[in-house]
């Protein structure tokens, strides 16, 4: 009888396998070999060197956020830091964040390294200059309008876009129609969309927003008619994905799968598309196809808690089809995970269970994927009370994660600062290369409102990549306002004061913290912070 022995190969053997598979274009095989190589690495330098390789593989797969996550890990070691900075810079160029990319490229050149990146940095900075030349001036307005929409301030977003709308810009009109649908003003949205489609009936974006309007009005008959108009139009990968999701929403699983396949042909490793496609297969009763598709998605992102949850469902057949909620686990399974975590918080045993349970961290990971600010706030607060080493490790993991959004990272950073119980976080919540210190200035600790406001401001600056001289402004506040002055002890106004030296950033901070800009300007003038 033949005995099969499972053994780890040497690191060099894995590196040869990775190299061969990359040359063959087998990126999934290269990822698998890379993960095994990390397990067999005996030193920290070897481990982070493999993370550099994994980051490069994800870059080739055009999964830039996952690529950054591996480069972030490699920043902590001096031998791999320059390569990590350079890798993140390349990703940022691809993600159209050229200004931040330049900071990383400069950091690459400033970092002592045996590898000379100067030529490569020169090539990429040339690409940045070309990109900046072709950028449209309206992009910043669109970005602010999108942020307002995320906070439910649709009328403010529409008002901000009104000058561009009045000029007849088609993209602006479509975006405004989308905002009107979100604010339940269906009549105005329809008028705008019909005016666009009368002149250009094959405008894909306008047709997609019209489908969203039909769905919002629960007019499923009109939705199917408008979806049929899209079937013969040429689209990009995201438009194919949106069309597939619309078919999914009305239970047309076969048509949804057809459009998911079209999207995957243009974006082969998109895990979201693979997840949706797997659920559609499962709803059709094709469980083997569902398991294969979700397995392929897990191969790309093996740490993703949502993919892992659905893999368990398909593998064990835990719930009957259809799974109508696209990115949320079935309610019973989701509730069990939430109860495990919040039951532990309520009982006061959270930190103890975190140290002893094997599955508790998996449930914690899943809770963060809800992208609910209240949940994130409670979880971040619970983590801050755990043992220093364990808490720091988990904070760092979540701050580096590409699965959490900046709003969630705001709460994580804030509680990391407030706890005063953590070691220095190696990498910030945003795509930055500087570290932030969790130790607060002594004078801040003497006033609870000032402490809260300061932590809010630092967290906002960190997750949005804003450079602020906090020490300078703290000294000004202390000198001009004093420690016990009660006139300005409104926490949100106080937080905004830290951004007084940059009018644009101040305006965005006021929107974020829900403060009227006039109130903040009055405080700045009253206490002469700019003098």
Protein backbone atom coordinates (compact mmCIF):
# COMPACT_ATOMS: atom_id res chain seq x y z
CA UNK A 1 0.00 0.00 0.00
CA UNK A 2 1.36 3.41 -0.99
CA UNK A 3 1.81 5.93 1.81
CA UNK A 4 1.37 9.59 0.96
CA UNK A 5 3.61 11.85 3.05
CA UNK A 6 2.75 15.56 3.30
CA UNK A 7 5.93 17.60 3.75
CA UNK A 8 7.04 21.22 3.38
CA UNK A 9 9.48 21.94 0.60
CA UNK A 10 12.46 24.23 1.10
CA UNK A 11 12.02 27.94 0.50
CA UNK A 12 14.18 27.86 -2.64
CA UNK A 13 12.02 25.11 -4.10
CA UNK A 14 8.90 27.20 -3.59
CA UNK A 15 10.58 30.23 -5.15
CA UNK A 16 11.37 28.18 -8.28
CA UNK A 17 7.74 27.00 -8.44
CA UNK A 18 6.50 30.61 -8.10
CA UNK A 19 8.84 31.78 -10.86
CA UNK A 20 7.75 28.98 -13.21
CA UNK A 21 4.06 29.56 -12.62
CA UNK A 22 4.34 33.32 -13.13
CA UNK A 23 6.11 32.71 -16.45
CA UNK A 24 3.27 30.35 -17.45
CA UNK A 25 0.67 32.97 -16.48
CA UNK A 26 -0.65 30.68 -13.72
CA UNK A 27 -1.12 33.38 -11.08
CA UNK A 28 -3.42 31.30 -8.88
CA UNK A 29 -0.79 28.56 -8.73
CA UNK A 30 1.87 31.18 -7.96
CA UNK A 31 -0.27 32.54 -5.10
CA UNK A 32 -0.66 29.06 -3.64
CA UNK A 33 3.10 28.42 -3.79
CA UNK A 34 3.74 31.87 -2.26
CA UNK A 35 1.45 31.17 0.70
CA UNK A 36 3.20 27.85 1.30
CA UNK A 37 6.54 29.62 1.05
CA UNK A 38 5.56 32.04 3.82
CA UNK A 39 4.70 29.07 6.05
CA UNK A 40 8.13 27.56 5.45
CA UNK A 41 10.06 30.85 5.91
CA UNK A 42 12.28 30.70 8.99
CA UNK A 43 13.18 34.39 9.31
CA UNK A 44 11.13 37.59 9.22
CA UNK A 45 13.14 38.89 6.27
CA UNK A 46 12.32 35.74 4.26
CA UNK A 47 8.63 36.06 5.14
CA UNK A 48 8.40 39.70 4.10
CA UNK A 49 10.40 38.99 0.91
CA UNK A 50 7.66 36.50 -0.05
CA UNK A 51 5.06 39.19 0.73
CA UNK A 52 6.85 41.40 -1.83
CA UNK A 53 6.49 38.61 -4.39
CA UNK A 54 2.80 38.10 -3.52
CA UNK A 55 2.26 41.85 -3.86
CA UNK A 56 3.81 41.72 -7.33
CA UNK A 57 1.61 38.77 -8.33
CA UNK A 58 -1.54 40.63 -7.25
CA UNK A 59 -0.29 43.68 -9.20
CA UNK A 60 -0.12 41.53 -12.36
CA UNK A 61 -3.65 40.30 -11.60
CA UNK A 62 -4.78 43.96 -11.41
CA UNK A 63 -5.94 43.44 -7.80
CA UNK A 64 -4.22 46.56 -6.54
CA UNK A 65 -5.75 46.73 -3.05
CA UNK A 66 -4.78 43.13 -2.26
CA UNK A 67 -1.33 43.89 -3.67
CA UNK A 68 -1.00 46.86 -1.28
CA UNK A 69 -1.98 44.69 1.67
CA UNK A 70 1.04 42.43 1.11
CA UNK A 71 3.39 45.35 0.46
CA UNK A 72 2.21 46.94 3.72
CA UNK A 73 3.37 43.86 5.61
CA UNK A 74 6.80 44.13 4.04
CA UNK A 75 7.27 47.77 5.13
CA UNK A 76 8.09 46.67 8.67
CA UNK A 77 11.44 45.10 7.70
CA UNK A 78 14.33 47.35 6.59
CA UNK A 79 15.54 44.89 3.94
CA UNK A 80 12.19 44.88 2.09
CA UNK A 81 10.99 48.43 2.84
CA UNK A 82 12.18 50.12 -0.36
CA UNK A 83 10.61 47.41 -2.55
CA UNK A 84 7.36 47.71 -0.59
CA UNK A 85 7.27 51.52 -1.00
CA UNK A 86 7.89 51.16 -4.73
CA UNK A 87 5.20 48.45 -5.08
CA UNK A 88 2.61 50.57 -3.28
CA UNK A 89 3.53 53.56 -5.44
CA UNK A 90 2.85 51.54 -8.62
CA UNK A 91 -0.50 50.38 -7.24
CA UNK A 92 -1.50 53.94 -6.39
CA UNK A 93 -0.77 55.10 -9.94
CA UNK A 94 -3.10 52.36 -11.20
CA UNK A 95 -5.72 53.44 -8.64
CA UNK A 96 -5.45 57.05 -9.90
CA UNK A 97 -3.98 58.42 -6.67
CA UNK A 98 -0.93 60.03 -8.26
CA UNK A 99 -0.12 62.54 -5.52
CA UNK A 100 0.13 59.86 -2.86
CA UNK A 101 2.08 57.65 -5.27
CA UNK A 102 4.73 60.38 -5.55
CA UNK A 103 5.17 60.30 -1.76
CA UNK A 104 5.81 56.58 -1.89
CA UNK A 105 8.27 56.92 -4.77
CA UNK A 106 10.13 59.63 -2.85
CA UNK A 107 10.18 57.33 0.18
CA UNK A 108 11.61 54.58 -2.05
CA UNK A 109 14.54 56.78 -3.03
CA UNK A 110 15.06 57.97 0.56
CA UNK A 111 15.24 54.42 1.91
CA UNK A 112 18.64 52.79 2.03
CA UNK A 113 18.49 49.64 -0.08
CA UNK A 114 20.77 47.26 -1.94
CA UNK A 115 18.42 47.57 -4.93
CA UNK A 116 18.51 50.73 -7.05
CA UNK A 117 14.95 51.86 -7.86
CA UNK A 118 15.88 55.26 -9.30
CA UNK A 119 15.38 54.25 -12.95
CA UNK A 120 12.06 52.54 -12.26
CA UNK A 121 10.83 55.48 -10.17
CA UNK A 122 11.74 57.85 -13.03
CA UNK A 123 9.61 55.79 -15.45
CA UNK A 124 6.61 55.76 -13.14
CA UNK A 125 6.83 59.49 -12.32
CA UNK A 126 6.71 60.09 -16.11
CA UNK A 127 3.44 58.09 -16.17
CA UNK A 128 2.13 60.25 -13.31
CA UNK A 129 2.91 63.47 -15.17
CA UNK A 130 1.03 62.15 -18.21
CA UNK A 131 -1.96 61.17 -16.06
CA UNK A 132 -2.08 64.54 -14.30
CA UNK A 133 -2.09 66.33 -17.66
CA UNK A 134 -5.21 64.49 -18.77
CA UNK A 135 -7.17 64.72 -15.53
CA UNK A 136 -10.44 66.61 -15.60
CA UNK A 137 -10.98 69.57 -13.29
CA UNK A 138 -14.41 68.33 -12.26
CA UNK A 139 -13.12 65.17 -10.57
CA UNK A 140 -12.67 66.79 -7.17
CA UNK A 141 -16.28 68.09 -7.24
CA UNK A 142 -17.52 64.59 -8.12
CA UNK A 143 -15.50 63.15 -5.24
CA UNK A 144 -17.01 65.61 -2.73
CA UNK A 145 -20.51 64.98 -4.13
CA UNK A 146 -20.03 61.22 -3.74
CA UNK A 147 -18.94 61.69 -0.13
CA UNK A 148 -22.04 63.78 0.54
CA UNK A 149 -24.19 61.08 -1.07
CA UNK A 150 -22.63 58.42 1.20
CA UNK A 151 -23.78 60.49 4.20
CA UNK A 152 -27.29 60.76 2.75
CA UNK A 153 -26.93 64.47 1.91
CA UNK A 154 -28.34 64.11 -1.60
CA UNK A 155 -29.68 67.66 -2.03
CA UNK A 156 -26.30 69.13 -1.04
CA UNK A 157 -24.56 66.87 -3.57
CA UNK A 158 -27.03 67.85 -6.30
CA UNK A 159 -26.60 71.54 -5.49
CA UNK A 160 -22.81 71.21 -5.72
CA UNK A 161 -23.11 69.71 -9.21
CA UNK A 162 -25.64 72.26 -10.48
CA UNK A 163 -23.14 74.43 -12.44
CA UNK A 164 -21.89 71.41 -14.40
CA UNK A 165 -25.48 70.18 -14.81
CA UNK A 166 -26.53 73.55 -16.24
CA UNK A 167 -23.77 73.30 -18.85
CA UNK A 168 -25.37 70.06 -20.07
CA UNK A 169 -22.57 67.65 -19.03
CA UNK A 170 -24.02 64.16 -19.66
CA UNK A 171 -22.06 62.38 -16.90
CA UNK A 172 -23.22 64.97 -14.37
CA UNK A 173 -26.84 64.61 -15.48
CA UNK A 174 -26.71 60.82 -15.09
CA UNK A 175 -25.09 61.15 -11.66
CA UNK A 176 -27.74 63.68 -10.56
CA UNK A 177 -30.49 61.30 -11.77
CA UNK A 178 -28.93 58.55 -9.66
CA UNK A 179 -28.90 60.87 -6.62
CA UNK A 180 -32.56 61.76 -7.22
CA UNK A 181 -33.45 58.07 -7.20
CA UNK A 182 -31.68 57.67 -3.87
CA UNK A 183 -33.65 60.65 -2.50
CA UNK A 184 -36.89 59.06 -3.84
CA UNK A 185 -37.55 61.88 -6.31
CA UNK A 186 -38.46 59.52 -9.14
CA UNK A 187 -40.28 62.05 -11.35
CA UNK A 188 -37.30 64.40 -11.73
CA UNK A 189 -34.94 61.45 -12.24
CA UNK A 190 -37.13 60.06 -15.04
CA UNK A 191 -37.31 63.43 -16.81
CA UNK A 192 -33.50 63.73 -16.84
CA UNK A 193 -32.95 60.15 -18.04
CA UNK A 194 -35.57 60.35 -20.80
CA UNK A 195 -34.07 63.63 -22.06
CA UNK A 196 -30.66 61.90 -22.36
CA UNK A 197 -32.00 58.71 -23.96
CA UNK A 198 -34.11 60.59 -26.53
CA UNK A 199 -30.89 61.95 -28.03
CA UNK A 200 -28.68 58.93 -27.27
CA UNK A 201 -30.74 55.73 -26.80
CA UNK A 202 -27.57 53.59 -26.55
CA UNK A 203 -26.05 55.44 -23.61
CA UNK A 204 -25.25 52.48 -21.33
CA UNK A 205 -24.93 54.45 -18.08
CA UNK A 206 -28.26 56.21 -18.59
CA UNK A 207 -29.96 52.89 -19.37
CA UNK A 208 -28.48 51.31 -16.24
CA UNK A 209 -29.67 54.18 -14.03
CA UNK A 210 -33.12 53.89 -15.66
CA UNK A 211 -33.12 50.20 -14.67
CA UNK A 212 -32.24 51.25 -11.11
CA UNK A 213 -35.22 53.62 -11.22
CA UNK A 214 -37.54 50.79 -12.29
CA UNK A 215 -36.20 48.61 -9.48
CA UNK A 216 -36.64 51.42 -6.92
CA UNK A 217 -40.28 51.83 -8.05
CA UNK A 218 -40.72 48.03 -8.02
CA UNK A 219 -41.78 48.21 -11.68
CA UNK A 220 -40.37 44.79 -12.61
CA UNK A 221 -42.09 44.65 -16.00
CA UNK A 222 -40.42 47.87 -17.17
CA UNK A 223 -37.14 46.70 -15.60
CA UNK A 224 -37.06 43.55 -17.77
CA UNK A 225 -37.94 45.54 -20.92
CA UNK A 226 -35.08 48.00 -20.26
CA UNK A 227 -32.66 45.19 -19.40
CA UNK A 228 -33.35 43.60 -22.79
CA UNK A 229 -32.24 46.86 -24.45
CA UNK A 230 -28.84 46.44 -22.77
CA UNK A 231 -28.20 42.93 -24.10
CA UNK A 232 -26.80 44.06 -27.46
CA UNK A 233 -24.83 47.06 -26.20
CA UNK A 234 -21.06 47.07 -25.73
CA UNK A 235 -20.14 47.59 -22.10
CA UNK A 236 -17.15 47.72 -19.79
CA UNK A 237 -16.58 45.17 -17.00
CA UNK A 238 -18.40 47.19 -14.32
CA UNK A 239 -21.42 47.76 -16.55
CA UNK A 240 -21.65 44.04 -17.31
CA UNK A 241 -21.50 43.40 -13.56
CA UNK A 242 -24.26 45.93 -12.79
CA UNK A 243 -26.47 44.43 -15.51
CA UNK A 244 -25.90 40.96 -14.08
CA UNK A 245 -26.85 42.20 -10.60
CA UNK A 246 -30.07 43.70 -11.95
CA UNK A 247 -31.00 40.35 -13.53
CA UNK A 248 -30.05 38.73 -10.22
CA UNK A 249 -32.45 41.03 -8.34
CA UNK A 250 -35.43 39.71 -10.36
CA UNK A 251 -34.35 36.06 -10.11
CA UNK A 252 -33.19 35.65 -13.73
CA UNK A 253 -30.24 33.48 -12.72
CA UNK A 254 -29.22 32.24 -16.20
CA UNK A 255 -29.14 35.75 -17.65
CA UNK A 256 -27.25 36.98 -14.60
CA UNK A 257 -24.61 34.25 -15.06
CA UNK A 258 -24.27 35.18 -18.74
CA UNK A 259 -23.38 38.79 -17.83
CA UNK A 260 -21.13 37.71 -14.94
CA UNK A 261 -19.18 35.62 -17.46
CA UNK A 262 -18.85 38.64 -19.77
CA UNK A 263 -17.56 40.72 -16.88
CA UNK A 264 -15.04 38.04 -15.86
CA UNK A 265 -13.63 37.86 -19.39
CA UNK A 266 -12.57 41.49 -18.94
CA UNK A 267 -11.64 41.16 -15.25
CA UNK A 268 -10.61 37.54 -14.68
CA UNK A 269 -9.85 37.70 -10.95
CA UNK A 270 -12.68 39.89 -9.65
CA UNK A 271 -13.75 38.10 -6.46
CA UNK A 272 -17.01 40.05 -6.14
CA UNK A 273 -18.12 38.92 -9.59
CA UNK A 274 -17.15 35.31 -8.79
CA UNK A 275 -19.11 35.46 -5.52
CA UNK A 276 -22.27 36.74 -7.22
CA UNK A 277 -21.90 34.17 -9.98
CA UNK A 278 -21.49 31.34 -7.45
CA UNK A 279 -24.71 32.39 -5.66
CA UNK A 280 -26.58 32.47 -8.99
CA UNK A 281 -25.37 28.92 -9.74
CA UNK A 282 -26.47 27.80 -6.27
CA UNK A 283 -29.92 29.33 -6.78
CA UNK A 284 -30.21 27.34 -10.02
CA UNK A 285 -29.41 24.14 -8.12
CA UNK A 286 -26.01 23.75 -9.81
CA UNK A 287 -24.16 23.24 -6.53
CA UNK A 288 -20.94 21.83 -8.00
CA UNK A 289 -20.55 24.89 -10.24
CA UNK A 290 -21.29 27.12 -7.24
CA UNK A 291 -18.65 25.37 -5.14
CA UNK A 292 -16.06 25.53 -7.95
CA UNK A 293 -16.68 29.26 -8.55
CA UNK A 294 -16.56 30.24 -4.87
CA UNK A 295 -13.47 28.04 -4.46
CA UNK A 296 -11.75 29.93 -7.27
CA UNK A 297 -12.63 33.24 -5.57
CA UNK A 298 -11.17 31.95 -2.26
CA UNK A 299 -8.01 30.96 -4.11
CA UNK A 300 -7.58 34.63 -5.01
CA UNK A 301 -8.39 36.01 -1.53
CA UNK A 302 -8.10 33.19 0.97
CA UNK A 303 -8.54 35.43 4.04
CA UNK A 304 -11.89 36.89 2.94
CA UNK A 305 -14.51 36.07 5.64
CA UNK A 306 -17.52 36.46 3.31
CA UNK A 307 -16.06 34.06 0.75
CA UNK A 308 -15.21 31.60 3.51
CA UNK A 309 -18.76 31.83 4.89
CA UNK A 310 -20.34 31.11 1.52
CA UNK A 311 -17.87 28.31 0.83
CA UNK A 312 -19.11 26.60 4.00
CA UNK A 313 -22.73 27.05 2.88
CA UNK A 314 -22.12 25.54 -0.55
CA UNK A 315 -19.90 22.78 0.80
CA UNK A 316 -22.30 21.72 3.57
CA UNK A 317 -25.56 22.86 1.93
CA UNK A 318 -26.57 24.67 5.11
CA UNK A 319 -29.48 26.66 3.65
CA UNK A 320 -32.00 26.05 0.86
CA UNK A 321 -31.84 28.31 -2.26
CA UNK A 322 -32.44 31.02 -3.32
CA UNK A 323 -29.85 33.23 -1.62
CA UNK A 324 -31.34 36.58 -2.49
CA UNK A 325 -28.94 38.68 -0.41
CA UNK A 326 -25.87 39.06 -2.57
CA UNK A 327 -23.10 39.97 -0.15
CA UNK A 328 -24.64 39.09 3.21
CA UNK A 329 -24.68 35.64 4.72
CA UNK A 330 -28.11 34.06 5.37
CA UNK A 331 -29.75 35.63 8.40
CA UNK A 332 -29.53 32.61 10.73
CA UNK A 333 -25.79 32.12 10.16
CA UNK A 334 -25.11 35.87 10.32
CA UNK A 335 -27.09 36.20 13.57
CA UNK A 336 -25.11 33.37 15.18
CA UNK A 337 -21.83 35.12 14.38
CA UNK A 338 -23.10 38.45 15.72
CA UNK A 339 -24.43 36.82 18.88
CA UNK A 340 -21.08 35.10 19.53
CA UNK A 341 -19.22 38.41 19.38
CA UNK A 342 -21.67 40.76 21.10
CA UNK A 343 -22.63 38.14 23.68
CA UNK A 344 -18.97 37.98 24.65
CA UNK A 345 -18.78 41.80 24.85
CA UNK A 346 -21.92 42.00 27.02
CA UNK A 347 -20.68 39.26 29.37
CA UNK A 348 -17.30 40.96 29.80
CA UNK A 349 -15.49 37.84 28.50
CA UNK A 350 -14.57 39.24 25.07
CA UNK A 351 -10.80 39.39 25.62
CA UNK A 352 -10.67 36.00 27.35
CA UNK A 353 -12.59 34.24 24.55
CA UNK A 354 -10.47 36.05 21.95
CA UNK A 355 -7.37 34.39 23.44
CA UNK A 356 -8.85 30.89 23.77
CA UNK A 357 -11.34 30.31 20.92
CA UNK A 358 -10.14 29.16 17.49
CA UNK A 359 -13.22 30.39 15.58
CA UNK A 360 -13.81 33.66 17.48
CA UNK A 361 -11.45 35.72 15.28
CA UNK A 362 -13.23 34.40 12.16
CA UNK A 363 -16.54 35.63 13.56
CA UNK A 364 -14.90 38.95 14.46
CA UNK A 365 -13.55 39.30 10.91
CA UNK A 366 -17.02 38.68 9.53
CA UNK A 367 -18.63 41.30 11.83
CA UNK A 368 -16.28 43.94 10.40
CA UNK A 369 -17.37 43.09 6.85
CA UNK A 370 -20.85 44.47 7.64
CA UNK A 371 -19.37 47.97 7.17
CA UNK A 372 -21.67 49.24 9.91
CA UNK A 373 -20.17 52.18 11.82
CA UNK A 374 -21.96 51.42 15.08
CA UNK A 375 -20.77 47.80 15.00
CA UNK A 376 -17.23 48.88 14.12
CA UNK A 377 -17.23 51.42 16.95
CA UNK A 378 -18.25 48.79 19.52
CA UNK A 379 -15.78 46.20 18.22
CA UNK A 380 -12.90 48.71 18.16
CA UNK A 381 -13.75 49.73 21.73
CA UNK A 382 -13.85 46.09 22.89
CA UNK A 383 -10.47 45.38 21.27
CA UNK A 384 -8.88 48.34 23.05
CA UNK A 385 -9.46 46.66 26.42
CA UNK A 386 -7.58 43.46 25.52
CA UNK A 387 -3.95 42.60 26.22
CA UNK A 388 -1.56 45.06 24.62
CA UNK A 389 0.23 42.65 22.27
CA UNK A 390 -2.92 40.88 21.05
CA UNK A 391 -4.88 44.13 20.62
CA UNK A 392 -2.06 45.85 18.73
CA UNK A 393 -1.74 42.89 16.37
CA UNK A 394 -5.46 42.88 15.58
CA UNK A 395 -5.70 46.67 15.23
CA UNK A 396 -2.81 46.54 12.79
CA UNK A 397 -4.43 43.68 10.86
CA UNK A 398 -7.69 45.59 10.42
CA UNK A 399 -6.02 48.92 9.66
CA UNK A 400 -4.02 47.24 6.90
CA UNK A 401 -7.01 45.33 5.55
CA UNK A 402 -8.40 46.26 2.16
CA UNK A 403 -11.80 44.87 3.15
CA UNK A 404 -12.59 47.72 5.55
CA UNK A 405 -13.49 51.21 4.36
CA UNK A 406 -12.05 54.51 5.59
CA UNK A 407 -15.05 55.19 7.84
CA UNK A 408 -14.42 51.95 9.74
CA UNK A 409 -10.70 52.68 9.94
CA UNK A 410 -11.55 56.07 11.44
CA UNK A 411 -13.16 54.32 14.44
CA UNK A 412 -10.33 51.79 14.71
CA UNK A 413 -7.69 54.54 14.71
CA UNK A 414 -9.67 56.61 17.21
CA UNK A 415 -9.97 53.75 19.72
CA UNK A 416 -6.31 52.82 19.21
CA UNK A 417 -5.46 56.37 20.28
CA UNK A 418 -7.99 56.58 23.10
CA UNK A 419 -6.95 53.25 24.64
CA UNK A 420 -3.41 54.40 25.50
CA UNK A 421 -2.75 50.68 25.90
CA UNK A 422 -1.17 49.80 22.55
CA UNK A 423 2.30 49.79 21.10
CA UNK A 424 3.01 52.05 18.13
CA UNK A 425 1.02 51.06 15.05
CA UNK A 426 3.55 50.31 12.29
CA UNK A 427 1.41 51.43 9.37
CA UNK A 428 -1.45 53.90 9.34
CA UNK A 429 -5.04 53.19 8.39
CA UNK A 430 -4.74 54.90 5.04
CA UNK A 431 -2.26 54.19 2.23
CA UNK A 432 0.55 56.07 4.00
CA UNK A 433 4.11 55.11 4.88
CA UNK A 434 4.45 56.99 8.17
CA UNK A 435 3.53 55.45 11.53
CA UNK A 436 1.28 57.06 14.10
CA UNK A 437 1.97 57.06 17.83
CA UNK A 438 -0.73 55.88 20.18
CA UNK A 439 0.64 57.97 23.05
CA UNK A 440 -1.29 61.22 23.52
CA UNK A 441 0.26 64.53 24.65
CA UNK A 442 -0.02 64.99 28.43
CA UNK A 443 -1.91 68.30 28.23
CA UNK A 444 -4.60 66.59 26.10
CA UNK A 445 -5.25 64.00 28.80
CA UNK A 446 -6.28 66.70 31.28
CA UNK A 447 -9.51 67.53 29.43
CA UNK A 448 -11.86 64.76 28.23
CA UNK A 449 -13.47 66.84 25.46
CA UNK A 450 -10.10 68.01 24.13
CA UNK A 451 -8.84 64.41 24.23
CA UNK A 452 -11.86 63.16 22.26
CA UNK A 453 -11.61 66.02 19.74
CA UNK A 454 -7.88 65.46 19.25
CA UNK A 455 -8.37 61.71 18.65
CA UNK A 456 -11.16 62.46 16.17
CA UNK A 457 -8.93 64.89 14.26
CA UNK A 458 -5.88 62.59 14.21
CA UNK A 459 -8.01 59.64 13.06
CA UNK A 460 -9.63 61.70 10.30
CA UNK A 461 -6.21 62.93 9.13
CA UNK A 462 -4.72 59.42 9.17
CA UNK A 463 -7.43 57.66 7.17
CA UNK A 464 -7.62 60.48 4.63
CA UNK A 465 -3.85 60.95 4.30
CA UNK A 466 -3.87 64.58 5.47
CA UNK A 467 -0.63 66.11 6.77
CA UNK A 468 -1.25 68.21 9.91
CA UNK A 469 1.22 69.64 12.45
CA UNK A 470 -0.79 68.55 15.48
CA UNK A 471 1.83 69.63 17.99
CA UNK A 472 1.83 73.19 16.65
CA UNK A 473 -1.97 73.46 16.73
CA UNK A 474 -2.17 71.86 20.19
CA UNK A 475 0.19 74.53 21.50
CA UNK A 476 -1.89 77.26 19.85
CA UNK A 477 -5.10 75.87 21.29
CA UNK A 478 -3.50 75.66 24.74
CA UNK A 479 -2.16 79.23 24.52
CA UNK A 480 -5.18 80.87 22.88
CA UNK A 481 -8.08 78.92 24.34
CA UNK A 482 -6.73 77.52 27.59
CA UNK A 483 -7.42 74.23 29.24
CA UNK A 484 -10.71 75.00 30.95
CA UNK A 485 -12.31 77.53 28.60
CA UNK A 486 -15.90 76.30 28.20
CA UNK A 487 -16.90 78.50 25.26
CA UNK A 488 -15.62 76.17 22.60
CA UNK A 489 -15.87 72.77 24.20
CA UNK A 490 -18.04 71.39 21.42
CA UNK A 491 -16.20 68.23 20.45
CA UNK A 492 -17.00 68.34 16.71
CA UNK A 493 -16.13 72.04 16.33
CA UNK A 494 -12.98 71.38 18.33
CA UNK A 495 -11.99 68.54 15.94
CA UNK A 496 -12.38 70.81 12.91
CA UNK A 497 -10.04 73.46 14.37
CA UNK A 498 -7.04 71.21 13.65
CA UNK A 499 -7.59 71.72 9.90
CA UNK A 500 -7.72 75.54 10.03
CA UNK A 501 -4.60 75.98 7.85
CA UNK A 502 -6.14 74.36 4.75
CA UNK A 503 -9.48 75.79 3.59
CA UNK A 504 -10.41 72.83 1.36
CA UNK A 505 -9.56 70.23 4.00
CA UNK A 506 -11.40 72.30 6.64
CA UNK A 507 -14.50 72.33 4.47
CA UNK A 508 -14.41 68.55 4.02
CA UNK A 509 -13.79 68.03 7.76
CA UNK A 510 -16.82 70.19 8.59
CA UNK A 511 -18.97 68.01 6.30
CA UNK A 512 -17.54 64.83 7.86
CA UNK A 513 -18.09 65.94 11.48
CA UNK A 514 -21.47 67.51 10.69
CA UNK A 515 -20.53 71.06 11.70
CA UNK A 516 -21.51 74.32 10.00
CA UNK A 517 -18.46 75.91 8.42
CA UNK A 518 -19.46 79.35 9.80
CA UNK A 519 -19.32 78.10 13.40
CA UNK A 520 -15.80 76.80 12.93
CA UNK A 521 -14.64 80.01 11.20
CA UNK A 522 -16.15 82.03 14.06
CA UNK A 523 -14.15 79.96 16.57
CA UNK A 524 -10.95 80.27 14.52
CA UNK A 525 -11.36 84.08 14.38
CA UNK A 526 -12.41 84.41 18.01
CA UNK A 527 -9.34 82.60 19.27
CA UNK A 528 -7.01 83.95 16.53
CA UNK A 529 -5.69 80.51 15.64
CA UNK A 530 -4.36 81.72 12.27
CA UNK A 531 -2.47 84.68 13.79
